[in-house]
């Protein structure tokens, strides 16, 4: 029995490896790269400023770029008041599948709360809505770049 165990393990590892390689090469699947973190602290020491204080955004409503969330587009709008993010709303989200709608309904309030707390686009992803969360971060990053 022991002499058959090693070849079985090798074959199992090989099959898992092939399956892993196939995940990234499926047609129609786009990989979303997380956005670079929006800078929340000034670089250098500006005289008379506190280097650990968050950068204040310009007041207004800023619309982010459309980001691909595999199952559809995501676009986010950020509202800035008093130099702080006070709201983040989805303008577009995947809605052609029941699961996409459920993922959006679950993720939207969590992502909004996270953004208001973090005051930047570097928020945690929502389990079950990973692609929507990543696209949210991409779109929000572009909106916040316009507010700086």
N, C-alpha and C. Protein backbone atom coordinates (compact mmCIF):
# COMPACT_ATOMS: atom_id res chain seq x y z
N UNK A 1 0.82 -1.20 0.00
CA UNK A 1 0.00 0.00 0.00
C UNK A 1 0.86 1.26 0.00
N UNK A 2 1.97 1.25 0.76
CA UNK A 2 2.82 2.42 0.86
C UNK A 2 3.49 2.75 -0.46
N UNK A 3 3.80 1.71 -1.28
CA UNK A 3 4.49 2.00 -2.53
C UNK A 3 3.57 2.70 -3.53
N UNK A 4 2.25 2.62 -3.38
CA UNK A 4 1.31 3.29 -4.26
C UNK A 4 0.95 4.70 -3.78
N UNK A 5 1.23 4.99 -2.52
CA UNK A 5 0.84 6.28 -1.94
C UNK A 5 1.59 7.46 -2.56
N UNK A 6 2.89 7.33 -2.77
CA UNK A 6 3.69 8.43 -3.32
C UNK A 6 3.22 8.81 -4.73
N UNK A 7 3.02 7.84 -5.66
CA UNK A 7 2.54 8.24 -7.00
C UNK A 7 1.15 8.87 -6.96
N UNK A 8 0.29 8.41 -6.06
CA UNK A 8 -1.05 8.99 -5.95
C UNK A 8 -0.96 10.44 -5.50
N UNK A 9 -0.10 10.73 -4.55
CA UNK A 9 0.09 12.09 -4.05
C UNK A 9 0.63 12.98 -5.16
N UNK A 10 1.59 12.49 -5.94
CA UNK A 10 2.17 13.26 -7.03
C UNK A 10 1.10 13.60 -8.07
N UNK A 11 0.29 12.62 -8.42
CA UNK A 11 -0.78 12.84 -9.40
C UNK A 11 -1.79 13.85 -8.86
N UNK A 12 -2.15 13.74 -7.60
CA UNK A 12 -3.11 14.67 -7.00
C UNK A 12 -2.57 16.10 -7.01
N UNK A 13 -1.32 16.27 -6.68
CA UNK A 13 -0.71 17.61 -6.69
C UNK A 13 -0.69 18.16 -8.10
N UNK A 14 -0.37 17.33 -9.09
CA UNK A 14 -0.34 17.76 -10.47
C UNK A 14 -1.73 18.20 -10.94
N UNK A 15 -2.75 17.45 -10.61
CA UNK A 15 -4.12 17.79 -10.99
C UNK A 15 -4.53 19.12 -10.34
N UNK A 16 -4.20 19.30 -9.08
CA UNK A 16 -4.51 20.56 -8.40
C UNK A 16 -3.78 21.73 -9.07
N UNK A 17 -2.53 21.51 -9.44
CA UNK A 17 -1.76 22.55 -10.11
C UNK A 17 -2.41 22.94 -11.43
N UNK A 18 -2.82 21.96 -12.23
CA UNK A 18 -3.46 22.26 -13.51
C UNK A 18 -4.77 23.01 -13.30
N UNK A 19 -5.53 22.63 -12.30
CA UNK A 19 -6.76 23.33 -12.00
C UNK A 19 -6.50 24.76 -11.59
N UNK A 20 -5.46 24.98 -10.81
CA UNK A 20 -5.09 26.32 -10.37
C UNK A 20 -4.69 27.18 -11.56
N UNK A 21 -3.93 26.63 -12.49
CA UNK A 21 -3.51 27.38 -13.67
C UNK A 21 -4.69 27.75 -14.54
N UNK A 22 -5.71 26.91 -14.60
CA UNK A 22 -6.87 27.16 -15.44
C UNK A 22 -7.72 28.31 -14.92
N UNK A 23 -7.71 28.56 -13.62
CA UNK A 23 -8.53 29.62 -13.04
C UNK A 23 -8.19 30.97 -13.65
N UNK A 24 -6.91 31.25 -13.81
CA UNK A 24 -6.50 32.55 -14.34
C UNK A 24 -6.57 32.66 -15.84
N UNK A 25 -6.90 31.57 -16.55
CA UNK A 25 -6.90 31.62 -18.01
C UNK A 25 -8.26 31.35 -18.61
N UNK A 26 -9.31 31.42 -17.82
CA UNK A 26 -10.65 31.19 -18.37
C UNK A 26 -11.02 32.36 -19.27
N UNK A 27 -11.59 32.06 -20.44
CA UNK A 27 -12.00 33.17 -21.31
C UNK A 27 -13.12 33.98 -20.66
N UNK A 28 -13.04 35.29 -20.83
CA UNK A 28 -14.08 36.16 -20.31
C UNK A 28 -13.88 36.57 -18.87
N UNK A 29 -12.83 36.07 -18.22
CA UNK A 29 -12.59 36.43 -16.83
C UNK A 29 -11.50 37.49 -16.80
N UNK A 30 -11.81 38.65 -16.28
CA UNK A 30 -10.85 39.73 -16.16
C UNK A 30 -10.38 39.80 -14.73
N UNK A 31 -9.10 39.94 -14.55
CA UNK A 31 -8.55 40.07 -13.22
C UNK A 31 -8.46 41.55 -12.90
N UNK A 32 -9.02 41.95 -11.78
CA UNK A 32 -8.99 43.35 -11.37
C UNK A 32 -7.82 43.53 -10.43
N UNK A 33 -6.98 44.46 -10.74
CA UNK A 33 -5.86 44.78 -9.88
C UNK A 33 -6.33 45.80 -8.86
N UNK A 34 -6.09 45.53 -7.57
CA UNK A 34 -6.51 46.50 -6.56
C UNK A 34 -5.84 47.85 -6.80
N UNK A 35 -6.53 48.93 -6.51
CA UNK A 35 -5.97 50.25 -6.75
C UNK A 35 -4.84 50.55 -5.78
N UNK A 36 -3.98 51.46 -6.22
CA UNK A 36 -2.96 51.94 -5.30
C UNK A 36 -3.70 52.70 -4.20
N UNK A 37 -3.19 52.60 -3.00
CA UNK A 37 -3.86 53.25 -1.88
C UNK A 37 -3.85 54.76 -2.08
N UNK A 38 -4.98 55.37 -1.87
CA UNK A 38 -5.06 56.82 -1.94
C UNK A 38 -4.31 57.37 -0.74
N UNK A 39 -3.40 58.29 -1.01
CA UNK A 39 -2.57 58.82 0.04
C UNK A 39 -3.41 59.61 1.04
N UNK A 40 -3.27 59.27 2.32
CA UNK A 40 -4.05 59.97 3.34
C UNK A 40 -3.17 60.84 4.22
N UNK A 41 -1.87 60.80 3.98
CA UNK A 41 -0.97 61.63 4.75
C UNK A 41 -0.04 62.37 3.80
N UNK A 42 0.28 63.62 4.10
CA UNK A 42 1.19 64.34 3.23
C UNK A 42 2.59 63.75 3.32
N UNK A 43 3.33 63.85 2.22
CA UNK A 43 4.71 63.39 2.26
C UNK A 43 5.58 64.56 2.67
N UNK A 44 6.68 64.25 3.34
CA UNK A 44 7.56 65.31 3.81
C UNK A 44 6.98 66.01 5.02
N UNK A 45 7.74 66.93 5.57
CA UNK A 45 7.26 67.67 6.72
C UNK A 45 7.02 69.11 6.31
N UNK A 46 5.78 69.44 6.07
CA UNK A 46 5.42 70.79 5.68
C UNK A 46 5.41 71.62 6.95
N UNK A 47 6.11 72.73 6.92
CA UNK A 47 6.26 73.50 8.15
C UNK A 47 4.91 73.93 8.70
N UNK A 48 4.73 73.72 9.98
CA UNK A 48 3.50 74.11 10.64
C UNK A 48 2.38 73.11 10.50
N UNK A 49 2.62 71.96 9.84
CA UNK A 49 1.53 70.99 9.68
C UNK A 49 1.84 69.74 10.48
N UNK A 50 0.81 69.03 10.78
CA UNK A 50 0.95 67.76 11.49
C UNK A 50 1.06 66.66 10.44
N UNK A 51 2.23 65.97 10.31
CA UNK A 51 2.40 64.98 9.27
C UNK A 51 1.47 63.78 9.40
N UNK A 52 0.86 63.57 10.55
CA UNK A 52 -0.04 62.42 10.70
C UNK A 52 -1.50 62.78 10.45
N UNK A 53 -1.79 64.05 10.18
CA UNK A 53 -3.17 64.47 9.93
C UNK A 53 -3.59 64.03 8.53
N UNK A 54 -4.81 63.54 8.38
CA UNK A 54 -5.28 63.14 7.05
C UNK A 54 -5.37 64.33 6.10
N UNK A 55 -5.14 64.04 4.82
CA UNK A 55 -5.27 65.07 3.80
C UNK A 55 -6.75 65.41 3.66
N UNK A 56 -7.07 66.68 3.65
CA UNK A 56 -8.46 67.09 3.46
C UNK A 56 -8.77 67.09 1.97
N UNK A 57 -9.90 66.53 1.63
CA UNK A 57 -10.36 66.52 0.25
C UNK A 57 -11.09 67.83 -0.03
N UNK A 58 -11.19 68.18 -1.32
CA UNK A 58 -11.96 69.36 -1.71
C UNK A 58 -13.44 68.99 -1.66
N UNK A 59 -14.25 69.88 -1.09
CA UNK A 59 -15.68 69.63 -0.99
C UNK A 59 -16.31 69.50 -2.38
N UNK A 60 -17.28 68.63 -2.47
CA UNK A 60 -17.99 68.44 -3.72
C UNK A 60 -18.42 66.99 -3.90
N UNK A 61 -18.99 66.72 -5.05
CA UNK A 61 -19.40 65.37 -5.42
C UNK A 61 -18.54 64.93 -6.59
N UNK A 62 -17.88 63.81 -6.45
CA UNK A 62 -16.93 63.34 -7.44
C UNK A 62 -17.33 61.94 -7.93
N UNK A 63 -17.36 61.78 -9.23
CA UNK A 63 -17.73 60.51 -9.84
C UNK A 63 -16.48 59.78 -10.30
N UNK A 64 -16.37 58.53 -9.89
CA UNK A 64 -15.23 57.72 -10.26
C UNK A 64 -15.38 57.10 -11.63
N UNK A 65 -14.28 56.58 -12.14
CA UNK A 65 -14.29 55.88 -13.41
C UNK A 65 -15.07 54.58 -13.28
N UNK A 66 -15.56 54.07 -14.39
CA UNK A 66 -16.25 52.79 -14.40
C UNK A 66 -15.19 51.69 -14.32
N UNK A 67 -15.41 50.73 -13.42
CA UNK A 67 -14.49 49.60 -13.24
C UNK A 67 -15.22 48.31 -13.57
N UNK A 68 -14.50 47.35 -14.13
CA UNK A 68 -15.09 46.06 -14.50
C UNK A 68 -15.07 45.12 -13.30
N UNK A 69 -16.22 44.58 -12.96
CA UNK A 69 -16.33 43.66 -11.83
C UNK A 69 -16.66 42.24 -12.32
N UNK A 70 -16.15 41.85 -13.46
CA UNK A 70 -16.36 40.54 -14.08
C UNK A 70 -17.80 40.35 -14.54
N UNK A 71 -18.77 40.57 -13.69
CA UNK A 71 -20.18 40.35 -14.04
C UNK A 71 -20.86 41.64 -14.46
N UNK A 72 -20.12 42.72 -14.53
CA UNK A 72 -20.71 43.98 -14.95
C UNK A 72 -19.93 45.17 -14.41
N UNK A 73 -20.30 46.36 -14.86
CA UNK A 73 -19.57 47.56 -14.46
C UNK A 73 -19.95 48.05 -13.07
N UNK A 74 -18.98 48.70 -12.44
CA UNK A 74 -19.21 49.35 -11.14
C UNK A 74 -18.71 50.78 -11.27
N UNK A 75 -19.54 51.72 -10.82
CA UNK A 75 -19.13 53.12 -10.77
C UNK A 75 -19.60 53.70 -9.44
N UNK A 76 -18.71 54.47 -8.83
CA UNK A 76 -18.97 55.01 -7.50
C UNK A 76 -18.88 56.52 -7.51
N UNK A 77 -19.71 57.13 -6.67
CA UNK A 77 -19.70 58.58 -6.49
C UNK A 77 -19.38 58.87 -5.03
N UNK A 78 -18.43 59.78 -4.79
CA UNK A 78 -18.05 60.16 -3.43
C UNK A 78 -18.52 61.58 -3.15
N UNK A 79 -19.06 61.77 -1.96
CA UNK A 79 -19.50 63.10 -1.54
C UNK A 79 -18.56 63.55 -0.42
N UNK A 80 -17.96 64.73 -0.61
CA UNK A 80 -17.02 65.29 0.35
C UNK A 80 -17.61 66.56 0.94
N UNK A 81 -17.65 66.63 2.27
CA UNK A 81 -18.10 67.84 2.97
C UNK A 81 -17.13 68.10 4.11
N UNK A 82 -16.71 69.33 4.25
CA UNK A 82 -15.77 69.68 5.31
C UNK A 82 -14.44 68.96 5.17
N UNK A 83 -14.08 68.62 3.94
CA UNK A 83 -12.81 67.94 3.70
C UNK A 83 -12.83 66.45 3.99
N UNK A 84 -14.00 65.90 4.35
CA UNK A 84 -14.10 64.49 4.72
C UNK A 84 -15.12 63.78 3.83
N UNK A 85 -14.91 62.48 3.64
CA UNK A 85 -15.86 61.66 2.89
C UNK A 85 -17.08 61.46 3.78
N UNK A 86 -18.25 61.86 3.29
CA UNK A 86 -19.48 61.69 4.07
C UNK A 86 -20.42 60.68 3.42
N UNK A 87 -20.17 60.34 2.16
CA UNK A 87 -21.04 59.37 1.48
C UNK A 87 -20.29 58.77 0.30
N UNK A 88 -20.61 57.54 0.00
CA UNK A 88 -20.10 56.85 -1.19
C UNK A 88 -21.24 55.99 -1.71
N UNK A 89 -21.66 56.27 -2.92
CA UNK A 89 -22.82 55.59 -3.50
C UNK A 89 -22.43 54.88 -4.80
N UNK A 90 -23.02 53.72 -5.02
CA UNK A 90 -22.88 53.03 -6.29
C UNK A 90 -23.77 53.73 -7.31
N UNK A 91 -23.22 54.12 -8.44
CA UNK A 91 -24.03 54.62 -9.54
C UNK A 91 -24.36 53.48 -10.51
N UNK A 92 -23.42 52.55 -10.65
CA UNK A 92 -23.63 51.36 -11.46
C UNK A 92 -23.11 50.16 -10.67
N UNK A 93 -23.76 49.03 -10.87
CA UNK A 93 -23.31 47.79 -10.25
C UNK A 93 -23.87 46.63 -11.06
N UNK A 94 -23.21 45.46 -11.00
CA UNK A 94 -23.71 44.29 -11.74
C UNK A 94 -25.12 43.93 -11.26
N UNK A 95 -26.04 43.81 -12.20
CA UNK A 95 -27.42 43.54 -11.80
C UNK A 95 -28.14 42.58 -12.75
N UNK A 96 -27.39 41.85 -13.58
CA UNK A 96 -28.04 40.97 -14.53
C UNK A 96 -28.26 39.55 -13.99
N UNK A 97 -27.69 39.25 -12.84
CA UNK A 97 -27.87 37.94 -12.21
C UNK A 97 -28.38 38.15 -10.79
N UNK A 98 -29.16 37.21 -10.31
CA UNK A 98 -29.69 37.31 -8.95
C UNK A 98 -28.56 37.37 -7.92
N UNK A 99 -27.49 36.57 -8.16
CA UNK A 99 -26.37 36.58 -7.21
C UNK A 99 -25.69 37.94 -7.19
N UNK A 100 -25.55 38.57 -8.36
CA UNK A 100 -24.92 39.89 -8.42
C UNK A 100 -25.71 40.92 -7.62
N UNK A 101 -27.03 40.85 -7.73
CA UNK A 101 -27.89 41.78 -6.99
C UNK A 101 -27.75 41.55 -5.49
N UNK A 102 -27.74 40.28 -5.09
CA UNK A 102 -27.59 39.95 -3.68
C UNK A 102 -26.22 40.39 -3.16
N UNK A 103 -25.16 40.20 -3.97
CA UNK A 103 -23.82 40.62 -3.55
C UNK A 103 -23.77 42.14 -3.38
N UNK A 104 -24.39 42.86 -4.30
CA UNK A 104 -24.43 44.32 -4.19
C UNK A 104 -25.18 44.75 -2.94
N UNK A 105 -26.35 44.17 -2.70
CA UNK A 105 -27.16 44.56 -1.55
C UNK A 105 -26.44 44.26 -0.23
N UNK A 106 -25.63 43.23 -0.22
CA UNK A 106 -24.85 42.91 0.97
C UNK A 106 -23.66 43.84 1.12
N UNK A 107 -22.95 44.07 0.01
CA UNK A 107 -21.69 44.81 0.06
C UNK A 107 -21.86 46.32 0.20
N UNK A 108 -22.86 46.90 -0.45
CA UNK A 108 -22.98 48.36 -0.52
C UNK A 108 -22.96 49.05 0.85
N UNK A 109 -23.80 48.65 1.80
CA UNK A 109 -23.76 49.36 3.09
C UNK A 109 -22.47 49.14 3.86
N UNK A 110 -21.88 47.96 3.71
CA UNK A 110 -20.62 47.68 4.41
C UNK A 110 -19.50 48.52 3.84
N UNK A 111 -19.40 48.57 2.52
CA UNK A 111 -18.34 49.35 1.87
C UNK A 111 -18.49 50.83 2.18
N UNK A 112 -19.72 51.32 2.17
CA UNK A 112 -19.97 52.74 2.49
C UNK A 112 -19.49 53.06 3.91
N UNK A 113 -19.84 52.21 4.86
CA UNK A 113 -19.43 52.41 6.25
C UNK A 113 -17.91 52.37 6.38
N UNK A 114 -17.28 51.43 5.70
CA UNK A 114 -15.82 51.29 5.75
C UNK A 114 -15.13 52.54 5.20
N UNK A 115 -15.64 53.07 4.09
CA UNK A 115 -15.05 54.25 3.46
C UNK A 115 -15.16 55.45 4.38
N UNK A 116 -16.32 55.65 4.96
CA UNK A 116 -16.51 56.80 5.85
C UNK A 116 -15.59 56.69 7.06
N UNK A 117 -15.40 55.49 7.55
CA UNK A 117 -14.52 55.29 8.70
C UNK A 117 -13.05 55.46 8.30
N UNK A 118 -12.63 54.87 7.19
CA UNK A 118 -11.23 54.90 6.77
C UNK A 118 -10.83 56.23 6.14
N UNK A 119 -11.79 56.94 5.54
CA UNK A 119 -11.54 58.19 4.83
C UNK A 119 -10.58 58.01 3.65
N UNK A 120 -10.60 56.83 3.04
CA UNK A 120 -9.86 56.56 1.82
C UNK A 120 -10.45 55.33 1.15
N UNK A 121 -9.88 54.93 0.03
CA UNK A 121 -10.42 53.81 -0.74
C UNK A 121 -9.85 52.47 -0.32
N UNK A 122 -8.93 52.46 0.61
CA UNK A 122 -8.29 51.21 1.02
C UNK A 122 -9.14 50.54 2.10
N UNK A 123 -10.24 49.91 1.66
CA UNK A 123 -11.17 49.26 2.58
C UNK A 123 -11.11 47.76 2.40
N UNK A 124 -11.56 47.05 3.41
CA UNK A 124 -11.60 45.59 3.34
C UNK A 124 -12.61 45.14 2.30
N UNK A 125 -12.34 43.97 1.71
CA UNK A 125 -13.26 43.39 0.74
C UNK A 125 -14.38 42.69 1.49
N UNK A 126 -15.56 42.65 0.89
CA UNK A 126 -16.70 41.98 1.49
C UNK A 126 -16.75 40.56 0.97
N UNK A 127 -16.75 39.60 1.88
CA UNK A 127 -16.80 38.20 1.50
C UNK A 127 -18.08 37.91 0.72
N UNK A 128 -17.94 37.20 -0.39
CA UNK A 128 -19.09 36.90 -1.24
C UNK A 128 -19.32 37.96 -2.29
N UNK A 129 -18.64 39.08 -2.18
CA UNK A 129 -18.76 40.17 -3.15
C UNK A 129 -17.37 40.71 -3.47
N UNK A 130 -16.43 39.80 -3.65
CA UNK A 130 -15.03 40.19 -3.84
C UNK A 130 -14.85 41.05 -5.08
N UNK A 131 -15.37 40.62 -6.22
CA UNK A 131 -15.18 41.38 -7.46
C UNK A 131 -15.86 42.74 -7.38
N UNK A 132 -17.03 42.79 -6.79
CA UNK A 132 -17.74 44.06 -6.61
C UNK A 132 -16.94 44.97 -5.69
N UNK A 133 -16.38 44.41 -4.63
CA UNK A 133 -15.58 45.20 -3.68
C UNK A 133 -14.32 45.76 -4.34
N UNK A 134 -13.64 44.93 -5.12
CA UNK A 134 -12.43 45.39 -5.80
C UNK A 134 -12.75 46.50 -6.80
N UNK A 135 -13.82 46.32 -7.57
CA UNK A 135 -14.20 47.34 -8.53
C UNK A 135 -14.64 48.62 -7.82
N UNK A 136 -15.30 48.49 -6.68
CA UNK A 136 -15.69 49.64 -5.86
C UNK A 136 -14.44 50.43 -5.48
N UNK A 137 -13.41 49.73 -5.03
CA UNK A 137 -12.16 50.40 -4.63
C UNK A 137 -11.51 51.12 -5.80
N UNK A 138 -11.52 50.49 -6.98
CA UNK A 138 -10.91 51.11 -8.17
C UNK A 138 -11.66 52.39 -8.53
N UNK A 139 -12.98 52.31 -8.60
CA UNK A 139 -13.78 53.47 -8.97
C UNK A 139 -13.68 54.58 -7.92
N UNK A 140 -13.75 54.20 -6.65
CA UNK A 140 -13.65 55.20 -5.58
C UNK A 140 -12.28 55.88 -5.58
N UNK A 141 -11.23 55.12 -5.84
CA UNK A 141 -9.89 55.71 -5.90
C UNK A 141 -9.82 56.82 -6.96
N UNK A 142 -10.43 56.57 -8.11
CA UNK A 142 -10.41 57.59 -9.16
C UNK A 142 -11.24 58.81 -8.75
N UNK A 143 -12.34 58.59 -8.05
CA UNK A 143 -13.15 59.72 -7.58
C UNK A 143 -12.37 60.55 -6.55
N UNK A 144 -11.70 59.88 -5.63
CA UNK A 144 -10.96 60.59 -4.59
C UNK A 144 -9.73 61.30 -5.16
N UNK A 145 -9.17 60.76 -6.22
CA UNK A 145 -8.03 61.44 -6.88
C UNK A 145 -8.48 62.80 -7.43
N UNK A 146 -9.71 62.87 -7.89
CA UNK A 146 -10.26 64.13 -8.40
C UNK A 146 -10.52 65.12 -7.26
N UNK A 147 -10.71 64.60 -6.05
CA UNK A 147 -11.03 65.46 -4.90
C UNK A 147 -9.79 65.98 -4.18
N UNK A 148 -8.63 65.58 -4.62
CA UNK A 148 -7.41 66.03 -3.94
C UNK A 148 -6.87 67.29 -4.55
